[in-house]
Amino acid sequence: MELIKKIKQTENQAQEIIEKAKAEAAQRIENDRVNGQKLLAEAEQQRKKAIEASVADAQSKGRAEVERLKTQSENQRRELRDKVSGKMAAAAEKVVDYLSSH
């Protein structure tokens, strides 16, 4: 009789251990799932920051290129005006001379 009682008690203890192990395993699975979600969120945040940094860098380089092209264009326009102004004065003088002589 005592042996049967001990066997049942041991079976109950084994069942409790099994239930406790199942609960711990479920908790670990849940913790891993939550940690996985956190890691995904962190990776998404890092990806967004990298994109924002790339966009900011591209905008900065774009503005610098625009300024460089504006300066280059202004210099070319000035050179062209300087070249043409002398020729225009000479052409105007020739026209006046021509008109004066005829």
Protein backbone atom coordinates (compact mmCIF):
# COMPACT_ATOMS: atom_id res chain seq x y z
CA MET A 1 0.00 0.00 0.00
CA GLU A 2 2.76 2.36 0.96
CA LEU A 3 4.57 1.51 -2.24
CA ILE A 4 1.52 2.39 -4.34
CA LYS A 5 1.25 5.72 -2.49
CA LYS A 6 4.91 6.47 -3.19
CA ILE A 7 4.51 5.55 -6.86
CA LYS A 8 1.48 7.86 -7.21
CA GLN A 9 3.33 10.62 -5.38
CA THR A 10 6.31 10.17 -7.70
CA GLU A 11 4.01 10.20 -10.73
CA ASN A 12 2.43 13.44 -9.47
CA GLN A 13 5.84 14.99 -8.95
CA ALA A 14 6.90 13.89 -12.43
CA GLN A 15 3.73 15.42 -13.88
CA GLU A 16 4.43 18.69 -12.03
CA ILE A 17 7.99 18.70 -13.38
CA ILE A 18 6.68 18.11 -16.90
CA GLU A 19 4.12 20.92 -16.57
CA LYS A 20 6.76 23.26 -15.15
CA ALA A 21 9.13 22.40 -18.02
CA LYS A 22 6.36 23.05 -20.55
CA ALA A 23 5.59 26.42 -18.96
CA GLU A 24 9.28 27.37 -18.94
CA ALA A 25 9.64 26.32 -22.58
CA ALA A 26 6.58 28.37 -23.54
CA GLN A 27 8.00 31.36 -21.66
CA ARG A 28 11.35 31.00 -23.43
CA ILE A 29 9.61 30.80 -26.78
CA GLU A 30 7.64 33.96 -25.99
CA ASN A 31 10.80 35.75 -24.81
CA ASP A 32 12.60 34.74 -28.01
CA ARG A 33 9.67 35.98 -30.08
CA VAL A 34 9.66 39.34 -28.28
CA ASN A 35 13.44 39.64 -28.62
CA GLY A 36 13.16 38.81 -32.31
CA GLN A 37 10.59 41.56 -32.75
CA LYS A 38 12.86 44.01 -30.91
CA LEU A 39 15.79 43.05 -33.13
CA LEU A 40 13.66 43.52 -36.24
CA ALA A 41 12.51 46.93 -35.01
CA GLU A 42 16.10 47.96 -34.28
CA ALA A 43 17.23 46.77 -37.71
CA GLU A 44 14.40 48.73 -39.34
CA GLN A 45 15.39 51.83 -37.37
CA GLN A 46 19.03 51.45 -38.45
CA ARG A 47 17.92 50.99 -42.06
CA LYS A 48 15.84 54.18 -41.90
CA LYS A 49 18.75 56.11 -40.39
CA ALA A 50 21.08 54.85 -43.12
CA ILE A 51 18.59 55.90 -45.80
CA GLU A 52 18.14 59.34 -44.21
CA ALA A 53 21.91 59.79 -44.01
CA SER A 54 22.30 58.78 -47.66
CA VAL A 55 19.55 61.17 -48.74
CA ALA A 56 21.07 64.02 -46.73
CA ASP A 57 24.49 63.31 -48.23
CA ALA A 58 23.06 63.21 -51.75
CA GLN A 59 21.21 66.49 -51.17
CA SER A 60 24.37 68.13 -49.87
CA LYS A 61 26.41 66.91 -52.83
CA GLY A 62 23.63 68.00 -55.18
CA ARG A 63 23.58 71.53 -53.74
CA ALA A 64 27.37 71.74 -53.99
CA GLU A 65 27.20 70.61 -57.63
CA VAL A 66 24.50 73.20 -58.37
CA GLU A 67 26.66 75.95 -56.87
CA ARG A 68 29.69 74.77 -58.83
CA LEU A 69 27.69 74.75 -62.07
CA LYS A 70 26.25 78.21 -61.34
CA THR A 71 29.73 79.61 -60.80
CA GLN A 72 31.04 77.91 -63.93
CA SER A 73 28.09 79.22 -65.95
CA GLU A 74 28.55 82.76 -64.63
CA ASN A 75 32.27 82.65 -65.52
CA GLN A 76 31.53 81.39 -69.03
CA ARG A 77 28.85 84.05 -69.51
CA ARG A 78 31.26 86.77 -68.37
CA GLU A 79 34.00 85.50 -70.71
CA LEU A 80 31.60 85.40 -73.63
CA ARG A 81 30.34 88.92 -72.89
CA ASP A 82 33.92 90.21 -72.69
CA LYS A 83 34.77 88.58 -76.04
CA VAL A 84 31.62 89.82 -77.74
CA SER A 85 31.69 93.37 -76.36
CA GLY A 86 34.93 94.18 -78.19
CA LYS A 87 33.64 92.70 -81.41
CA MET A 88 30.31 94.51 -81.04
CA ALA A 89 32.05 97.85 -80.59
CA ALA A 90 34.18 97.24 -83.70
CA ALA A 91 31.12 96.15 -85.71
CA ALA A 92 29.15 99.18 -84.56
CA GLU A 93 32.01 101.43 -85.57
CA LYS A 94 32.16 99.82 -89.02
CA VAL A 95 28.41 100.29 -89.45
CA VAL A 96 28.65 103.97 -88.46
CA ASP A 97 31.60 104.49 -90.80
CA TYR A 98 29.71 102.77 -93.59
CA LEU A 99 26.59 104.82 -93.01
CA SER A 100 28.61 108.01 -92.76
CA SER A 101 30.42 107.40 -96.01
CA HIS A 102 27.26 106.63 -98.02
